[in-house]
């Protein structure tokens, strides 16, 4: 059976150090699955290069920081889970994938 794999730009460009900030900044990066280590990010780039990952989607799910993400300030379980990704996906992949030689 043929299997296809996908990742999203935020997993290629960000890592879990994004959570080492004040709540208003760190809450922007609450998504599922959560951001991982730099080594995981590098492994995703390699998997794209050798065609283990064939698709880069977005799972676009944008939320306002005020009125949605901030609902979890005192209760982590209430943070709106997700991030935007549609608008800048292609330019980010071109800049960090093609121009930085990740895809070559």
PDB file of N, CA and C in Angstrom:
ATOM      1  N   UNK A   1       0.845  -1.159   0.000  1.00  0.00           N
ATOM      2  CA  UNK A   1       0.000   0.000   0.000  1.00  0.00           C
ATOM      3  C   UNK A   1       0.899   1.233   0.000  1.00  0.00           C
ATOM      4  N   UNK A   2       0.615   2.160  -0.875  1.00  0.00           N
ATOM      5  CA  UNK A   2       1.386   3.393  -0.945  1.00  0.00           C
ATOM      6  C   UNK A   2       0.932   4.347   0.164  1.00  0.00           C
ATOM      7  N   UNK A   3       1.895   4.954   0.831  1.00  0.00           N
ATOM      8  CA  UNK A   3       1.615   5.882   1.922  1.00  0.00           C
ATOM      9  C   UNK A   3       2.209   7.238   1.568  1.00  0.00           C
ATOM     10  N   UNK A   4       1.465   8.297   1.845  1.00  0.00           N
ATOM     11  CA  UNK A   4       1.929   9.662   1.607  1.00  0.00           C
ATOM     12  C   UNK A   4       2.075  10.371   2.945  1.00  0.00           C
ATOM     13  N   UNK A   5       3.051  11.256   3.028  1.00  0.00           N
ATOM     14  CA  UNK A   5       3.297  12.005   4.263  1.00  0.00           C
ATOM     15  C   UNK A   5       3.240  13.499   3.980  1.00  0.00           C
ATOM     16  N   UNK A   6       2.888  14.256   5.006  1.00  0.00           N
ATOM     17  CA  UNK A   6       2.741  15.703   4.896  1.00  0.00           C
ATOM     18  C   UNK A   6       3.337  16.359   6.134  1.00  0.00           C
ATOM     19  N   UNK A   7       3.806  17.579   5.958  1.00  0.00           N
ATOM     20  CA  UNK A   7       4.152  18.417   7.099  1.00  0.00           C
ATOM     21  C   UNK A   7       3.631  19.818   6.806  1.00  0.00           C
ATOM     22  N   UNK A   8       3.873  20.728   7.718  1.00  0.00           N
ATOM     23  CA  UNK A   8       3.406  22.108   7.576  1.00  0.00           C
ATOM     24  C   UNK A   8       4.598  23.056   7.732  1.00  0.00           C
ATOM     25  N   UNK A   9       4.510  24.266   7.178  1.00  0.00           N
ATOM     26  CA  UNK A   9       5.628  25.211   7.260  1.00  0.00           C
ATOM     27  C   UNK A   9       6.102  25.490   8.688  1.00  0.00           C
ATOM     28  N   UNK A  10       5.174  25.573   9.636  1.00  0.00           N
ATOM     29  CA  UNK A  10       5.610  25.908  10.999  1.00  0.00           C
ATOM     30  C   UNK A  10       6.518  24.825  11.586  1.00  0.00           C
ATOM     31  N   UNK A  11       6.361  23.573  11.172  1.00  0.00           N
ATOM     32  CA  UNK A  11       7.243  22.515  11.670  1.00  0.00           C
ATOM     33  C   UNK A  11       8.596  22.537  10.970  1.00  0.00           C
ATOM     34  N   UNK A  12       8.660  23.152   9.804  1.00  0.00           N
ATOM     35  CA  UNK A  12       9.922  23.285   9.071  1.00  0.00           C
ATOM     36  C   UNK A  12      10.724  24.508   9.508  1.00  0.00           C
ATOM     37  N   UNK A  13      10.041  25.511  10.027  1.00  0.00           N
ATOM     38  CA  UNK A  13      10.701  26.794  10.284  1.00  0.00           C
ATOM     39  C   UNK A  13      10.802  27.177  11.759  1.00  0.00           C
ATOM     40  N   UNK A  14      10.039  26.549  12.612  1.00  0.00           N
ATOM     41  CA  UNK A  14      10.043  26.884  14.040  1.00  0.00           C
ATOM     42  C   UNK A  14      10.436  25.668  14.857  1.00  0.00           C
ATOM     43  N   UNK A  15      10.841  25.899  16.093  1.00  0.00           N
ATOM     44  CA  UNK A  15      11.124  24.787  16.994  1.00  0.00           C
ATOM     45  C   UNK A  15      10.577  25.142  18.377  1.00  0.00           C
ATOM     46  N   UNK A  16      10.719  24.205  19.306  1.00  0.00           N
ATOM     47  CA  UNK A  16      10.098  24.378  20.621  1.00  0.00           C
ATOM     48  C   UNK A  16      10.676  25.518  21.457  1.00  0.00           C
ATOM     49  N   UNK A  17      11.729  26.163  21.006  1.00  0.00           N
ATOM     50  CA  UNK A  17      12.231  27.334  21.730  1.00  0.00           C
ATOM     51  C   UNK A  17      11.216  28.481  21.685  1.00  0.00           C
ATOM     52  N   UNK A  18      10.259  28.412  20.765  1.00  0.00           N
ATOM     53  CA  UNK A  18       9.196  29.427  20.686  1.00  0.00           C
ATOM     54  C   UNK A  18       8.352  29.454  21.953  1.00  0.00           C
ATOM     55  N   UNK A  19       8.366  28.366  22.712  1.00  0.00           N
ATOM     56  CA  UNK A  19       7.581  28.306  23.948  1.00  0.00           C
ATOM     57  C   UNK A  19       8.296  28.947  25.136  1.00  0.00           C
ATOM     58  N   UNK A  20       9.552  29.341  24.961  1.00  0.00           N
ATOM     59  CA  UNK A  20      10.337  29.942  26.049  1.00  0.00           C
ATOM     60  C   UNK A  20      10.179  31.453  26.073  1.00  0.00           C
ATOM     61  N   UNK A  21       8.942  31.915  26.018  1.00  0.00           N
ATOM     62  CA  UNK A  21       8.637  33.347  25.987  1.00  0.00           C
ATOM     63  C   UNK A  21       7.473  33.624  26.931  1.00  0.00           C
ATOM     64  N   UNK A  22       7.170  34.887  27.086  1.00  0.00           N
ATOM     65  CA  UNK A  22       5.996  35.268  27.869  1.00  0.00           C
ATOM     66  C   UNK A  22       4.735  34.716  27.202  1.00  0.00           C
ATOM     67  N   UNK A  23       3.681  34.564  27.976  1.00  0.00           N
ATOM     68  CA  UNK A  23       2.445  33.947  27.495  1.00  0.00           C
ATOM     69  C   UNK A  23       1.951  34.533  26.179  1.00  0.00           C
ATOM     70  N   UNK A  24       1.902  35.858  26.065  1.00  0.00           N
ATOM     71  CA  UNK A  24       1.339  36.487  24.854  1.00  0.00           C
ATOM     72  C   UNK A  24       2.095  36.099  23.592  1.00  0.00           C
ATOM     73  N   UNK A  25       3.381  35.845  23.699  1.00  0.00           N
ATOM     74  CA  UNK A  25       4.166  35.406  22.541  1.00  0.00           C
ATOM     75  C   UNK A  25       4.087  33.895  22.365  1.00  0.00           C
ATOM     76  N   UNK A  26       4.293  33.147  23.434  1.00  0.00           N
ATOM     77  CA  UNK A  26       4.317  31.687  23.354  1.00  0.00           C
ATOM     78  C   UNK A  26       2.970  31.116  22.926  1.00  0.00           C
ATOM     79  N   UNK A  27       1.869  31.754  23.315  1.00  0.00           N
ATOM     80  CA  UNK A  27       0.538  31.228  22.983  1.00  0.00           C
ATOM     81  C   UNK A  27       0.282  31.212  21.474  1.00  0.00           C
ATOM     82  N   UNK A  28       1.010  32.032  20.723  1.00  0.00           N
ATOM     83  CA  UNK A  28       0.870  32.038  19.262  1.00  0.00           C
ATOM     84  C   UNK A  28       1.224  30.674  18.667  1.00  0.00           C
ATOM     85  N   UNK A  29       2.040  29.914  19.378  1.00  0.00           N
ATOM     86  CA  UNK A  29       2.581  28.668  18.837  1.00  0.00           C
ATOM     87  C   UNK A  29       1.949  27.415  19.440  1.00  0.00           C
ATOM     88  N   UNK A  30       0.793  27.590  20.091  1.00  0.00           N
ATOM     89  CA  UNK A  30       0.080  26.424  20.611  1.00  0.00           C
ATOM     90  C   UNK A  30      -0.657  25.788  19.444  1.00  0.00           C
ATOM     91  N   UNK A  31      -0.176  24.621  19.017  1.00  0.00           N
ATOM     92  CA  UNK A  31      -0.755  23.887  17.902  1.00  0.00           C
ATOM     93  C   UNK A  31      -0.556  22.399  18.131  1.00  0.00           C
ATOM     94  N   UNK A  32      -1.198  21.601  17.327  1.00  0.00           N
ATOM     95  CA  UNK A  32      -1.091  20.147  17.474  1.00  0.00           C
ATOM     96  C   UNK A  32      -0.670  19.517  16.167  1.00  0.00           C
ATOM     97  N   UNK A  33       0.354  18.698  16.203  1.00  0.00           N
ATOM     98  CA  UNK A  33       1.202  18.448  17.365  1.00  0.00           C
ATOM     99  C   UNK A  33       2.026  19.687  17.688  1.00  0.00           C
ATOM    100  N   UNK A  34       2.578  19.753  18.894  1.00  0.00           N
ATOM    101  CA  UNK A  34       3.381  20.924  19.262  1.00  0.00           C
ATOM    102  C   UNK A  34       4.682  20.986  18.474  1.00  0.00           C
ATOM    103  N   UNK A  35       5.290  22.150  18.484  1.00  0.00           N
ATOM    104  CA  UNK A  35       6.601  22.308  17.857  1.00  0.00           C
ATOM    105  C   UNK A  35       7.601  21.394  18.549  1.00  0.00           C
ATOM    106  N   UNK A  36       8.566  20.901  17.787  1.00  0.00           N
ATOM    107  CA  UNK A  36       9.557  19.939  18.297  1.00  0.00           C
ATOM    108  C   UNK A  36      10.954  20.557  18.323  1.00  0.00           C
ATOM    109  N   UNK A  37      11.936  19.735  18.580  1.00  0.00           N
ATOM    110  CA  UNK A  37      13.337  20.152  18.665  1.00  0.00           C
ATOM    111  C   UNK A  37      13.893  20.526  17.291  1.00  0.00           C
ATOM    112  N   UNK A  38      15.005  21.252  17.271  1.00  0.00           N
ATOM    113  CA  UNK A  38      15.673  21.644  16.028  1.00  0.00           C
ATOM    114  C   UNK A  38      16.064  20.406  15.226  1.00  0.00           C
ATOM    115  N   UNK A  39      16.482  19.353  15.897  1.00  0.00           N
ATOM    116  CA  UNK A  39      16.870  18.128  15.181  1.00  0.00           C
ATOM    117  C   UNK A  39      15.684  17.525  14.434  1.00  0.00           C
ATOM    118  N   UNK A  40      14.495  17.638  15.002  1.00  0.00           N
ATOM    119  CA  UNK A  40      13.294  17.146  14.326  1.00  0.00           C
ATOM    120  C   UNK A  40      12.992  17.988  13.091  1.00  0.00           C
ATOM    121  N   UNK A  41      13.154  19.295  13.230  1.00  0.00           N
ATOM    122  CA  UNK A  41      12.946  20.206  12.098  1.00  0.00           C
ATOM    123  C   UNK A  41      13.895  19.854  10.962  1.00  0.00           C
ATOM    124  N   UNK A  42      15.151  19.622  11.277  1.00  0.00           N
ATOM    125  CA  UNK A  42      16.134  19.256  10.257  1.00  0.00           C
ATOM    126  C   UNK A  42      15.802  17.911   9.614  1.00  0.00           C
ATOM    127  N   UNK A  43      15.287  16.980  10.400  1.00  0.00           N
ATOM    128  CA  UNK A  43      14.895  15.672   9.859  1.00  0.00           C
ATOM    129  C   UNK A  43      13.730  15.822   8.871  1.00  0.00           C
ATOM    130  N   UNK A  44      12.820  16.755   9.127  1.00  0.00           N
ATOM    131  CA  UNK A  44      11.712  16.994   8.191  1.00  0.00           C
ATOM    132  C   UNK A  44      12.231  17.523   6.858  1.00  0.00           C
ATOM    133  N   UNK A  45      13.176  18.464   6.901  1.00  0.00           N
ATOM    134  CA  UNK A  45      13.759  18.977   5.653  1.00  0.00           C
ATOM    135  C   UNK A  45      14.415  17.840   4.869  1.00  0.00           C
ATOM    136  N   UNK A  46      15.138  16.986   5.570  1.00  0.00           N
ATOM    137  CA  UNK A  46      15.791  15.861   4.901  1.00  0.00           C
ATOM    138  C   UNK A  46      14.754  14.921   4.291  1.00  0.00           C
ATOM    139  N   UNK A  47      13.675  14.664   5.017  1.00  0.00           N
ATOM    140  CA  UNK A  47      12.623  13.773   4.522  1.00  0.00           C
ATOM    141  C   UNK A  47      11.961  14.340   3.264  1.00  0.00           C
ATOM    142  N   UNK A  48      11.837  15.651   3.171  1.00  0.00           N
ATOM    143  CA  UNK A  48      11.303  16.279   1.960  1.00  0.00           C
ATOM    144  C   UNK A  48      12.280  16.078   0.810  1.00  0.00           C
ATOM    145  N   UNK A  49      13.545  16.307   1.096  1.00  0.00           N
ATOM    146  CA  UNK A  49      14.574  16.201   0.060  1.00  0.00           C
ATOM    147  C   UNK A  49      14.646  14.804  -0.544  1.00  0.00           C
ATOM    148  N   UNK A  50      14.466  13.766   0.270  1.00  0.00           N
ATOM    149  CA  UNK A  50      14.554  12.398  -0.250  1.00  0.00           C
ATOM    150  C   UNK A  50      13.180  11.808  -0.570  1.00  0.00           C
ATOM    151  N   UNK A  51      12.158  12.664  -0.590  1.00  0.00           N
ATOM    152  CA  UNK A  51      10.796  12.306  -1.010  1.00  0.00           C
ATOM    153  C   UNK A  51      10.083  11.337  -0.064  1.00  0.00           C
ATOM    154  N   UNK A  52      10.444  11.360   1.202  1.00  0.00           N
ATOM    155  CA  UNK A  52       9.685  10.623   2.205  1.00  0.00           C
ATOM    156  C   UNK A  52       8.435  11.423   2.560  1.00  0.00           C
ATOM    157  N   UNK A  53       8.584  12.747   2.581  1.00  0.00           N
ATOM    158  CA  UNK A  53       7.440  13.653   2.739  1.00  0.00           C
ATOM    159  C   UNK A  53       7.169  14.258   1.373  1.00  0.00           C
ATOM    160  N   UNK A  54       5.943  14.110   0.885  1.00  0.00           N
ATOM    161  CA  UNK A  54       5.606  14.570  -0.456  1.00  0.00           C
ATOM    162  C   UNK A  54       4.779  15.852  -0.486  1.00  0.00           C
ATOM    163  N   UNK A  55       4.177  16.218   0.611  1.00  0.00           N
ATOM    164  CA  UNK A  55       3.231  17.334   0.617  1.00  0.00           C
ATOM    165  C   UNK A  55       3.526  18.284   1.766  1.00  0.00           C
ATOM    166  N   UNK A  56       3.379  19.575   1.489  1.00  0.00           N
ATOM    167  CA  UNK A  56       3.481  20.578   2.546  1.00  0.00           C
ATOM    168  C   UNK A  56       2.165  21.338   2.556  1.00  0.00           C
ATOM    169  N   UNK A  57       1.385  21.111   3.592  1.00  0.00           N
ATOM    170  CA  UNK A  57       0.088  21.752   3.736  1.00  0.00           C
ATOM    171  C   UNK A  57       0.178  22.912   4.711  1.00  0.00           C
ATOM    172  N   UNK A  58      -0.960  23.323   5.249  1.00  0.00           N
ATOM    173  CA  UNK A  58      -0.908  24.390   6.243  1.00  0.00           C
ATOM    174  C   UNK A  58      -1.703  24.079   7.494  1.00  0.00           C
ATOM    175  N   UNK A  59      -2.740  23.299   7.415  1.00  0.00           N
ATOM    176  CA  UNK A  59      -3.644  23.116   8.559  1.00  0.00           C
ATOM    177  C   UNK A  59      -4.068  24.485   9.092  1.00  0.00           C
ATOM    178  N   UNK A  60      -4.274  25.434   8.178  1.00  0.00           N
ATOM    179  CA  UNK A  60      -4.566  26.821   8.521  1.00  0.00           C
ATOM    180  C   UNK A  60      -5.713  26.908   9.523  1.00  0.00           C
ATOM    181  N   UNK A  61      -5.422  27.528  10.638  1.00  0.00           N
ATOM    182  CA  UNK A  61      -6.412  27.698  11.693  1.00  0.00           C
ATOM    183  C   UNK A  61      -5.999  28.926  12.497  1.00  0.00           C
ATOM    184  N   UNK A  62      -6.320  30.079  11.970  1.00  0.00           N
ATOM    185  CA  UNK A  62      -5.859  31.310  12.626  1.00  0.00           C
ATOM    186  C   UNK A  62      -6.803  31.721  13.752  1.00  0.00           C
ATOM    187  N   UNK A  63      -6.221  32.261  14.792  1.00  0.00           N
ATOM    188  CA  UNK A  63      -6.976  32.745  15.938  1.00  0.00           C
ATOM    189  C   UNK A  63      -6.451  34.114  16.333  1.00  0.00           C
ATOM    190  N   UNK A  64      -7.324  34.934  16.911  1.00  0.00           N
ATOM    191  CA  UNK A  64      -6.918  36.229  17.453  1.00  0.00           C
ATOM    192  C   UNK A  64      -6.206  36.015  18.781  1.00  0.00           C
ATOM    193  N   UNK A  65      -5.153  36.804  19.009  1.00  0.00           N
ATOM    194  CA  UNK A  65      -4.466  36.702  20.294  1.00  0.00           C
ATOM    195  C   UNK A  65      -5.343  37.214  21.425  1.00  0.00           C
ATOM    196  N   UNK A  66      -6.114  38.261  21.122  1.00  0.00           N
ATOM    197  CA  UNK A  66      -7.018  38.827  22.128  1.00  0.00           C
ATOM    198  C   UNK A  66      -8.417  38.306  21.852  1.00  0.00           C
ATOM    199  N   UNK A  67      -8.975  37.621  22.827  1.00  0.00           N
ATOM    200  CA  UNK A  67     -10.320  37.099  22.692  1.00  0.00           C
ATOM    201  C   UNK A  67     -10.374  35.615  22.372  1.00  0.00           C
ATOM    202  N   UNK A  68      -9.259  35.037  21.944  1.00  0.00           N
ATOM    203  CA  UNK A  68      -9.240  33.598  21.672  1.00  0.00           C
ATOM    204  C   UNK A  68      -8.018  32.936  22.330  1.00  0.00           C
ATOM    205  N   UNK A  69      -6.824  33.268  21.880  1.00  0.00           N
ATOM    206  CA  UNK A  69      -5.627  32.668  22.476  1.00  0.00           C
ATOM    207  C   UNK A  69      -5.503  33.040  23.951  1.00  0.00           C
ATOM    208  N   UNK A  70      -5.848  34.280  24.293  1.00  0.00           N
ATOM    209  CA  UNK A  70      -5.681  34.725  25.678  1.00  0.00           C
ATOM    210  C   UNK A  70      -6.674  34.095  26.652  1.00  0.00           C
ATOM    211  N   UNK A  71      -7.653  33.352  26.149  1.00  0.00           N
ATOM    212  CA  UNK A  71      -8.577  32.651  27.040  1.00  0.00           C
ATOM    213  C   UNK A  71      -7.845  31.603  27.881  1.00  0.00           C
ATOM    214  N   UNK A  72      -6.656  31.206  27.445  1.00  0.00           N
ATOM    215  CA  UNK A  72      -5.892  30.206  28.168  1.00  0.00           C
ATOM    216  C   UNK A  72      -4.850  30.770  29.105  1.00  0.00           C
ATOM    217  N   UNK A  73      -4.881  32.065  29.340  1.00  0.00           N
ATOM    218  CA  UNK A  73      -3.846  32.678  30.182  1.00  0.00           C
ATOM    219  C   UNK A  73      -3.764  32.029  31.563  1.00  0.00           C
ATOM    220  N   UNK A  74      -4.884  31.685  32.148  1.00  0.00           N
ATOM    221  CA  UNK A  74      -4.887  31.063  33.473  1.00  0.00           C
ATOM    222  C   UNK A  74      -5.245  29.575  33.437  1.00  0.00           C
ATOM    223  N   UNK A  75      -5.560  29.083  32.241  1.00  0.00           N
ATOM    224  CA  UNK A  75      -5.899  27.670  32.087  1.00  0.00           C
ATOM    225  C   UNK A  75      -5.459  27.231  30.695  1.00  0.00           C
ATOM    226  N   UNK A  76      -4.310  26.584  30.624  1.00  0.00           N
ATOM    227  CA  UNK A  76      -3.703  26.180  29.354  1.00  0.00           C
ATOM    228  C   UNK A  76      -4.682  25.446  28.439  1.00  0.00           C
ATOM    229  N   UNK A  77      -5.593  24.684  28.996  1.00  0.00           N
ATOM    230  CA  UNK A  77      -6.514  23.884  28.183  1.00  0.00           C
ATOM    231  C   UNK A  77      -7.496  24.738  27.382  1.00  0.00           C
ATOM    232  N   UNK A  78      -7.555  26.028  27.673  1.00  0.00           N
ATOM    233  CA  UNK A  78      -8.501  26.906  26.975  1.00  0.00           C
ATOM    234  C   UNK A  78      -7.864  27.750  25.873  1.00  0.00           C
ATOM    235  N   UNK A  79      -6.554  27.555  25.630  1.00  0.00           N
ATOM    236  CA  UNK A  79      -5.895  28.283  24.544  1.00  0.00           C
ATOM    237  C   UNK A  79      -6.401  27.733  23.220  1.00  0.00           C
ATOM    238  N   UNK A  80      -6.839  28.609  22.339  1.00  0.00           N
ATOM    239  CA  UNK A  80      -7.256  28.178  21.008  1.00  0.00           C
ATOM    240  C   UNK A  80      -6.064  27.517  20.317  1.00  0.00           C
ATOM    241  N   UNK A  81      -6.272  26.315  19.816  1.00  0.00           N
ATOM    242  CA  UNK A  81      -5.185  25.493  19.291  1.00  0.00           C
ATOM    243  C   UNK A  81      -5.092  25.613  17.779  1.00  0.00           C
ATOM    244  N   UNK A  82      -4.034  26.220  17.281  1.00  0.00           N
ATOM    245  CA  UNK A  82      -3.830  26.336  15.845  1.00  0.00           C
ATOM    246  C   UNK A  82      -3.098  27.605  15.481  1.00  0.00           C
ATOM    247  N   UNK A  83      -2.692  27.669  14.200  1.00  0.00           N
ATOM    248  CA  UNK A  83      -1.976  28.830  13.692  1.00  0.00           C
ATOM    249  C   UNK A  83      -2.308  29.029  12.222  1.00  0.00           C
ATOM    250  N   UNK A  84      -2.148  30.244  11.774  1.00  0.00           N
ATOM    251  CA  UNK A  84      -2.354  30.543  10.360  1.00  0.00           C
ATOM    252  C   UNK A  84      -1.190  30.012   9.534  1.00  0.00           C
ATOM    253  N   UNK A  85      -1.390  29.891   8.226  1.00  0.00           N
ATOM    254  CA  UNK A  85      -0.305  29.396   7.417  1.00  0.00           C
ATOM    255  C   UNK A  85      -0.489  29.542   5.918  1.00  0.00           C
ATOM    256  N   UNK A  86      -1.672  29.903   5.472  1.00  0.00           N
ATOM    257  CA  UNK A  86      -1.954  29.942   4.043  1.00  0.00           C
ATOM    258  C   UNK A  86      -1.222  31.082   3.337  1.00  0.00           C
ATOM    259  N   UNK A  87      -1.289  32.261   3.881  1.00  0.00           N
ATOM    260  CA  UNK A  87      -0.822  33.462   3.183  1.00  0.00           C
ATOM    261  C   UNK A  87       0.658  33.421   2.811  1.00  0.00           C
ATOM    262  N   UNK A  88       1.500  32.954   3.689  1.00  0.00           N
ATOM    263  CA  UNK A  88       2.947  33.042   3.463  1.00  0.00           C
ATOM    264  C   UNK A  88       3.613  31.704   3.125  1.00  0.00           C
ATOM    265  N   UNK A  89       2.830  30.642   2.988  1.00  0.00           N
ATOM    266  CA  UNK A  89       3.399  29.305   2.789  1.00  0.00           C
ATOM    267  C   UNK A  89       4.370  29.236   1.615  1.00  0.00           C
ATOM    268  N   UNK A  90       3.963  29.675   0.444  1.00  0.00           N
ATOM    269  CA  UNK A  90       4.820  29.551  -0.739  1.00  0.00           C
ATOM    270  C   UNK A  90       6.080  30.394  -0.644  1.00  0.00           C
ATOM    271  N   UNK A  91       5.952  31.625  -0.165  1.00  0.00           N
ATOM    272  CA  UNK A  91       7.157  32.466  -0.066  1.00  0.00           C
ATOM    273  C   UNK A  91       8.118  31.935   0.995  1.00  0.00           C
ATOM    274  N   UNK A  92       7.602  31.388   2.082  1.00  0.00           N
ATOM    275  CA  UNK A  92       8.476  30.801   3.095  1.00  0.00           C
ATOM    276  C   UNK A  92       9.195  29.564   2.561  1.00  0.00           C
ATOM    277  N   UNK A  93       8.468  28.707   1.856  1.00  0.00           N
ATOM    278  CA  UNK A  93       9.089  27.501   1.304  1.00  0.00           C
ATOM    279  C   UNK A  93      10.117  27.837   0.238  1.00  0.00           C
ATOM    280  N   UNK A  94       9.831  28.864  -0.556  1.00  0.00           N
ATOM    281  CA  UNK A  94      10.798  29.273  -1.568  1.00  0.00           C
ATOM    282  C   UNK A  94      12.048  29.852  -0.890  1.00  0.00           C
ATOM    283  N   UNK A  95      11.847  30.747   0.066  1.00  0.00           N
ATOM    284  CA  UNK A  95      12.972  31.392   0.742  1.00  0.00           C
ATOM    285  C   UNK A  95      13.824  30.396   1.527  1.00  0.00           C
ATOM    286  N   UNK A  96      13.174  29.556   2.340  1.00  0.00           N
ATOM    287  CA  UNK A  96      13.932  28.674   3.224  1.00  0.00           C
ATOM    288  C   UNK A  96      14.149  27.275   2.657  1.00  0.00           C
ATOM    289  N   UNK A  97      13.431  26.914   1.617  1.00  0.00           N
ATOM    290  CA  UNK A  97      13.605  25.609   0.998  1.00  0.00           C
ATOM    291  C   UNK A  97      14.451  25.661  -0.253  1.00  0.00           C
ATOM    292  N   UNK A  98      14.112  26.551  -1.163  1.00  0.00           N
ATOM    293  CA  UNK A  98      14.827  26.639  -2.436  1.00  0.00           C
ATOM    294  C   UNK A  98      16.075  27.510  -2.302  1.00  0.00           C
ATOM    295  N   UNK A  99      15.920  28.725  -1.815  1.00  0.00           N
ATOM    296  CA  UNK A  99      17.054  29.656  -1.740  1.00  0.00           C
ATOM    297  C   UNK A  99      18.099  29.205  -0.721  1.00  0.00           C
ATOM    298  N   UNK A 100      17.702  28.531   0.322  1.00  0.00           N
ATOM    299  CA  UNK A 100      18.653  28.059   1.339  1.00  0.00           C
ATOM    300  C   UNK A 100      19.148  26.644   1.004  1.00  0.00           C
ATOM    301  N   UNK A 101      18.816  26.154  -0.165  1.00  0.00           N
ATOM    302  CA  UNK A 101      19.286  24.878  -0.688  1.00  0.00           C
ATOM    303  C   UNK A 101      18.778  23.668   0.098  1.00  0.00           C
ATOM    304  N   UNK A 102      17.677  23.800   0.808  1.00  0.00           N
ATOM    305  CA  UNK A 102      17.120  22.662   1.528  1.00  0.00           C
ATOM    306  C   UNK A 102      16.536  21.627   0.564  1.00  0.00           C
ATOM    307  N   UNK A 103      15.984  22.087  -0.563  1.00  0.00           N
ATOM    308  CA  UNK A 103      15.321  21.186  -1.509  1.00  0.00           C
ATOM    309  C   UNK A 103      16.260  20.670  -2.586  1.00  0.00           C
ATOM    310  N   UNK A 104      17.484  21.136  -2.644  1.00  0.00           N
ATOM    311  CA  UNK A 104      18.387  20.721  -3.715  1.00  0.00           C
ATOM    312  C   UNK A 104      19.128  19.455  -3.383  1.00  0.00           C
TER     313      UNK A 104
END
